[in-house]
Amino acid sequence: MKQVFHISSESIPSDGEQVLAVRTGEKHFGFAVTSPSGNELYKLAWYTDASMEEEALQEIYQSHPELGGQFSKIIVCFDHPQSVLVPQVYYNMDEAPALLKSLYGTLNRDLLMTEYVQDWQIQNVYSAPRETAEWISRHFADSERCHTYTIGLKNTGIGGAEDVLAVDIRPDNFSLIVTRSNKLLLAQTYAYATPADVLYYLLNTCRQFSFTQETVQLALSGLITQESALYRELYNYFLNIQFREPDWNIQGEQQYPAHFFTSLNDLVRCAS
């Protein structure tokens, strides 16, 4: 298990005057402790592992006593890719498990969940490993739970741009939410090994939806910098690129690019 980031602010809030945001996925676990408004960041950590199972989660929890503190709100986001977004008019609760199983295979060891994304009139049918979901229930019993695509949809939309590719980069996969004039076209997670893999998926998406590389807005967040090979590859093909920055203030020295943590800030914004 590897700790990728750790930020600790000089500000020390009182118990109960803070929000805890947690994101957990197949190979990562991250959290942020913020003010109730989400404007101030107090603590943040991000871990990766070959498989983020219960043993790794417990080790992280024991390494961070602040996770056991008193919070005004706790919100947990499952970043697992097993999800189907169904327009509300076509949603049938009884058919949801079969729909998810047909796309992703057996769900016997997974916990099925559904949430309604009101602004988009969509039902998000998704699953997470039962072991992970039960660990979350034991340690964060009062938490609100949601899925990564739900949070992405609530935070997508770049200045009214007509065509948007919202991309959040992690070490070996990235999430992609594609919208056109506030209409959802695609929400998907892709594994990648090289920058060329990411470029392939994005260019293929442009072809699929008849986006032009000259006009589509590429909104980036996560583990990518302007000095990286991945950014240079994207810069060669897309004219409109911007980093989505978080809203919070960090007291003290800023060691990392702010957009590394936009996904956690998105979660806090939905909680506030």
Protein backbone atom coordinates (compact mmCIF):
# COMPACT_ATOMS: atom_id res chain seq x y z
CA MET A 1 0.00 0.00 0.00
CA LYS A 2 1.33 3.45 -0.92
CA GLN A 3 0.43 6.86 0.46
CA VAL A 4 0.40 9.14 -2.58
CA PHE A 5 -0.59 12.40 -0.86
CA HIS A 6 -0.94 13.77 2.64
CA ILE A 7 -1.96 17.33 3.51
CA SER A 8 -2.43 18.67 7.01
CA SER A 9 -3.53 22.28 7.48
CA GLU A 10 -2.31 24.60 10.21
CA SER A 11 -5.96 25.22 11.13
CA ILE A 12 -7.45 22.90 13.75
CA PRO A 13 -11.27 22.79 13.72
CA SER A 14 -13.42 21.74 16.64
CA ASP A 15 -15.01 18.30 16.62
CA GLY A 16 -18.40 18.40 14.98
CA GLU A 17 -17.49 21.49 12.93
CA GLN A 18 -16.10 19.51 10.04
CA VAL A 19 -17.17 17.29 7.14
CA LEU A 20 -15.53 14.02 6.13
CA ALA A 21 -15.49 13.06 2.45
CA VAL A 22 -14.28 9.58 1.49
CA ARG A 23 -13.68 8.05 -1.94
CA THR A 24 -12.95 4.34 -2.27
CA GLY A 25 -12.29 2.27 -5.38
CA GLU A 26 -10.77 -0.97 -6.56
CA LYS A 27 -7.22 0.33 -6.08
CA HIS A 28 -7.50 3.54 -4.07
CA PHE A 29 -8.84 5.14 -0.89
CA GLY A 30 -8.81 8.87 -0.23
CA PHE A 31 -10.38 11.24 2.26
CA ALA A 32 -10.64 14.93 3.03
CA VAL A 33 -11.67 16.71 6.22
CA THR A 34 -13.10 20.16 5.53
CA SER A 35 -15.18 22.93 7.04
CA PRO A 36 -18.99 22.44 6.78
CA SER A 37 -19.08 24.89 3.86
CA GLY A 38 -16.25 23.05 2.13
CA ASN A 39 -14.24 26.26 1.80
CA GLU A 40 -11.40 25.20 4.10
CA LEU A 41 -9.40 21.98 3.81
CA TYR A 42 -7.97 20.65 7.08
CA LYS A 43 -6.66 17.19 6.21
CA LEU A 44 -6.35 15.07 3.09
CA ALA A 45 -4.78 11.72 2.30
CA TRP A 46 -4.81 9.42 -0.72
CA TYR A 47 -3.65 5.81 -0.86
CA THR A 48 -3.25 3.28 -3.65
CA ASP A 49 -2.83 -0.50 -3.55
CA ALA A 50 -2.96 -3.38 -5.99
CA SER A 51 -6.28 -4.31 -4.39
CA MET A 52 -7.99 -2.06 -1.88
CA GLU A 53 -9.58 -4.75 0.28
CA GLU A 54 -10.56 -4.82 3.95
CA GLU A 55 -7.06 -5.37 5.32
CA ALA A 56 -5.71 -2.33 3.48
CA LEU A 57 -8.72 -0.22 4.47
CA GLN A 58 -8.27 -1.14 8.13
CA GLU A 59 -4.58 -0.27 8.02
CA ILE A 60 -5.40 3.19 6.64
CA TYR A 61 -8.10 3.72 9.25
CA GLN A 62 -5.72 2.86 12.08
CA SER A 63 -3.06 5.20 10.65
CA HIS A 64 -5.46 8.17 10.73
CA PRO A 65 -7.15 8.67 14.12
CA GLU A 66 -8.95 11.69 12.65
CA LEU A 67 -11.19 9.29 10.69
CA GLY A 68 -12.80 8.32 13.99
CA GLY A 69 -13.62 11.90 14.96
CA GLN A 70 -16.98 13.65 15.24
CA PHE A 71 -18.31 15.08 12.00
CA SER A 72 -21.35 17.12 11.11
CA LYS A 73 -21.62 15.04 7.94
CA ILE A 74 -19.87 12.06 6.34
CA ILE A 75 -20.24 11.29 2.66
CA VAL A 76 -18.72 8.22 1.02
CA CYS A 77 -18.35 7.78 -2.73
CA PHE A 78 -17.84 4.40 -4.40
CA ASP A 79 -15.53 4.80 -7.41
CA HIS A 80 -16.16 1.29 -8.71
CA PRO A 81 -16.96 1.17 -12.44
CA GLN A 82 -19.90 -1.26 -12.29
CA SER A 83 -22.75 1.13 -13.05
CA VAL A 84 -25.66 1.56 -15.43
CA LEU A 85 -27.34 4.94 -15.86
CA VAL A 86 -31.01 4.44 -16.73
CA PRO A 87 -33.39 7.27 -17.73
CA GLN A 88 -36.11 7.49 -15.12
CA VAL A 89 -38.86 6.83 -17.66
CA TYR A 90 -37.33 3.43 -18.45
CA TYR A 91 -36.31 2.42 -14.94
CA ASN A 92 -37.75 -0.77 -13.44
CA MET A 93 -36.54 -1.62 -9.95
CA ASP A 94 -37.10 -5.37 -10.41
CA GLU A 95 -35.03 -5.47 -13.60
CA ALA A 96 -32.10 -3.43 -12.27
CA PRO A 97 -30.01 -6.38 -10.93
CA ALA A 98 -30.33 -8.32 -14.19
CA LEU A 99 -29.36 -5.23 -16.19
CA LEU A 100 -26.19 -4.71 -14.18
CA LYS A 101 -25.35 -8.42 -14.26
CA SER A 102 -25.73 -8.60 -18.03
CA LEU A 103 -23.05 -5.92 -18.44
CA TYR A 104 -20.61 -6.83 -15.69
CA GLY A 105 -21.15 -10.49 -14.90
CA THR A 106 -21.84 -12.08 -11.53
CA LEU A 107 -22.80 -9.82 -8.65
CA ASN A 108 -23.01 -12.53 -5.99
CA ARG A 109 -20.26 -10.96 -3.88
CA ASP A 110 -21.29 -7.38 -4.57
CA LEU A 111 -23.83 -5.09 -2.95
CA LEU A 112 -26.34 -3.58 -5.34
CA MET A 113 -27.34 0.06 -4.82
CA THR A 114 -29.50 2.56 -6.68
CA GLU A 115 -29.71 6.35 -6.47
CA TYR A 116 -31.77 8.92 -8.28
CA VAL A 117 -29.97 11.83 -9.94
CA GLN A 118 -32.82 14.32 -9.96
CA ASP A 119 -31.32 17.08 -12.12
CA TRP A 120 -30.66 14.57 -14.88
CA GLN A 121 -33.80 12.43 -14.39
CA ILE A 122 -31.59 9.33 -14.22
CA GLN A 123 -31.37 6.29 -11.97
CA ASN A 124 -27.82 5.18 -11.25
CA VAL A 125 -27.80 1.40 -10.70
CA TYR A 126 -24.40 0.34 -9.38
CA SER A 127 -22.57 -2.17 -7.23
CA ALA A 128 -19.59 -2.21 -4.89
CA PRO A 129 -17.74 -5.13 -3.27
CA ARG A 130 -19.80 -6.31 -0.32
CA GLU A 131 -16.69 -6.50 1.85
CA THR A 132 -15.92 -2.82 1.17
CA ALA A 133 -19.52 -1.69 1.65
CA GLU A 134 -19.79 -3.54 4.97
CA TRP A 135 -16.47 -2.08 6.17
CA ILE A 136 -17.82 1.39 5.35
CA SER A 137 -21.00 0.64 7.31
CA ARG A 138 -19.04 -0.44 10.37
CA HIS A 139 -16.70 2.54 10.44
CA PHE A 140 -18.93 5.28 9.04
CA ALA A 141 -22.38 4.14 10.10
CA ASP A 142 -24.04 7.55 9.67
CA SER A 143 -22.54 8.29 6.27
CA GLU A 144 -24.35 9.21 3.10
CA ARG A 145 -23.33 6.98 0.19
CA CYS A 146 -23.18 7.68 -3.52
CA HIS A 147 -21.50 6.62 -6.74
CA THR A 148 -18.75 8.37 -8.66
CA TYR A 149 -20.93 8.99 -11.74
CA THR A 150 -23.62 10.60 -9.61
CA ILE A 151 -21.09 13.02 -8.16
CA GLY A 152 -19.60 13.61 -11.60
CA LEU A 153 -22.98 14.50 -13.07
CA LYS A 154 -23.73 16.91 -10.26
CA ASN A 155 -20.46 18.73 -10.90
CA THR A 156 -20.18 18.55 -14.67
CA GLY A 157 -20.83 21.41 -17.07
CA ILE A 158 -18.04 23.78 -18.03
CA GLY A 159 -19.18 27.36 -18.53
CA GLY A 160 -22.11 26.35 -20.72
CA ALA A 161 -19.84 24.62 -23.24
CA GLU A 162 -21.79 22.62 -25.75
CA ASP A 163 -19.51 19.54 -25.88
CA VAL A 164 -17.60 18.48 -22.77
CA LEU A 165 -15.28 15.58 -21.97
CA ALA A 166 -14.83 15.60 -18.18
CA VAL A 167 -11.85 13.39 -17.36
CA ASP A 168 -10.57 12.43 -13.90
CA ILE A 169 -7.18 10.70 -14.02
CA ARG A 170 -6.06 8.04 -11.55
CA PRO A 171 -2.79 6.01 -11.71
CA ASP A 172 -4.13 3.21 -13.93
CA ASN A 173 -7.66 4.22 -14.91
CA PHE A 174 -9.71 7.30 -15.61
CA SER A 175 -13.38 8.20 -15.45
CA LEU A 176 -15.03 9.97 -18.37
CA ILE A 177 -18.34 11.83 -18.40
CA VAL A 178 -19.45 13.13 -21.77
CA THR A 179 -22.13 15.79 -22.11
CA ARG A 180 -23.55 17.92 -24.91
CA SER A 181 -25.55 21.01 -23.97
CA ASN A 182 -26.25 19.52 -20.52
CA LYS A 183 -27.39 16.20 -22.01
CA LEU A 184 -25.59 13.07 -20.81
CA LEU A 185 -24.04 10.98 -23.58
CA LEU A 186 -21.65 8.67 -21.74
CA ALA A 187 -20.29 7.81 -18.29
CA GLN A 188 -17.53 5.22 -18.28
CA THR A 189 -14.30 4.17 -16.60
CA TYR A 190 -11.33 2.98 -18.67
CA ALA A 191 -8.09 1.25 -17.72
CA TYR A 192 -4.92 2.54 -19.34
CA ALA A 193 -1.21 1.74 -19.37
CA THR A 194 0.21 4.54 -21.55
CA PRO A 195 -0.79 8.09 -22.53
CA ALA A 196 -1.64 6.73 -25.98
CA ASP A 197 -4.36 4.58 -24.39
CA VAL A 198 -6.07 7.63 -22.88
CA LEU A 199 -5.80 9.52 -26.15
CA TYR A 200 -7.30 6.59 -28.06
CA TYR A 201 -10.40 6.48 -25.82
CA LEU A 202 -10.93 10.23 -26.02
CA LEU A 203 -10.50 10.43 -29.79
CA ASN A 204 -12.79 7.44 -30.24
CA THR A 205 -15.40 9.19 -28.07
CA CYS A 206 -15.13 12.30 -30.25
CA ARG A 207 -15.72 10.20 -33.36
CA GLN A 208 -18.62 8.36 -31.74
CA PHE A 209 -20.48 11.58 -30.89
CA SER A 210 -19.26 13.71 -33.80
CA PHE A 211 -17.28 16.06 -31.57
CA THR A 212 -14.57 18.15 -33.19
CA GLN A 213 -11.20 18.36 -31.47
CA GLU A 214 -11.14 22.10 -32.20
CA THR A 215 -14.32 22.88 -30.23
CA VAL A 216 -14.81 20.15 -27.61
CA GLN A 217 -13.96 21.23 -24.05
CA LEU A 218 -11.56 18.85 -22.31
CA ALA A 219 -11.96 19.32 -18.53
CA LEU A 220 -9.16 17.59 -16.64
CA SER A 221 -8.74 16.69 -12.99
CA GLY A 222 -6.77 14.12 -11.04
CA LEU A 223 -3.19 12.98 -11.41
CA ILE A 224 -2.00 14.88 -14.45
CA THR A 225 0.28 17.90 -14.76
CA GLN A 226 1.20 20.18 -17.65
CA GLU A 227 4.70 18.70 -17.59
CA SER A 228 3.49 15.10 -17.98
CA ALA A 229 3.71 13.00 -21.12
CA LEU A 230 -0.06 12.49 -20.94
CA TYR A 231 -0.80 16.22 -21.00
CA ARG A 232 1.59 16.79 -23.90
CA GLU A 233 -0.15 14.03 -25.83
CA LEU A 234 -3.57 15.58 -25.21
CA TYR A 235 -2.28 19.08 -26.00
CA ASN A 236 -1.29 17.88 -29.46
CA TYR A 237 -4.86 16.90 -30.28
CA PHE A 238 -7.22 19.17 -28.32
CA LEU A 239 -7.41 22.96 -28.49
CA ASN A 240 -9.61 23.64 -25.44
CA ILE A 241 -8.10 22.12 -22.30
CA GLN A 242 -8.59 23.31 -18.75
CA PHE A 243 -8.00 21.94 -15.27
CA ARG A 244 -10.99 21.79 -12.94
CA GLU A 245 -9.82 23.35 -9.69
CA PRO A 246 -11.30 22.71 -6.22
CA ASP A 247 -13.02 25.51 -4.31
CA TRP A 248 -11.37 25.08 -0.92
CA ASN A 249 -8.51 27.05 0.60
CA ILE A 250 -5.48 25.25 2.00
CA GLN A 251 -3.55 26.93 4.81
CA GLY A 252 0.21 26.58 4.53
CA GLU A 253 2.43 25.52 1.66
CA GLN A 254 0.75 23.96 -1.37
CA GLN A 255 2.85 20.94 -2.37
CA TYR A 256 0.62 19.54 -5.10
CA PRO A 257 -1.44 20.95 -7.98
CA ALA A 258 -4.91 21.77 -6.66
CA HIS A 259 -6.71 19.83 -9.41
CA PHE A 260 -5.23 16.58 -8.04
CA PHE A 261 -7.99 16.74 -5.41
CA THR A 262 -10.97 18.02 -7.38
CA SER A 263 -12.79 14.69 -7.06
CA LEU A 264 -12.76 14.96 -3.26
CA ASN A 265 -13.83 18.59 -3.42
CA ASP A 266 -16.71 17.60 -5.75
CA LEU A 267 -17.86 15.22 -3.04
CA VAL A 268 -17.75 17.91 -0.36
CA ARG A 269 -19.66 20.34 -2.58
CA CYS A 270 -22.46 17.80 -2.90
CA ALA A 271 -22.53 17.40 0.87
CA SER A 272 -22.66 21.11 1.70
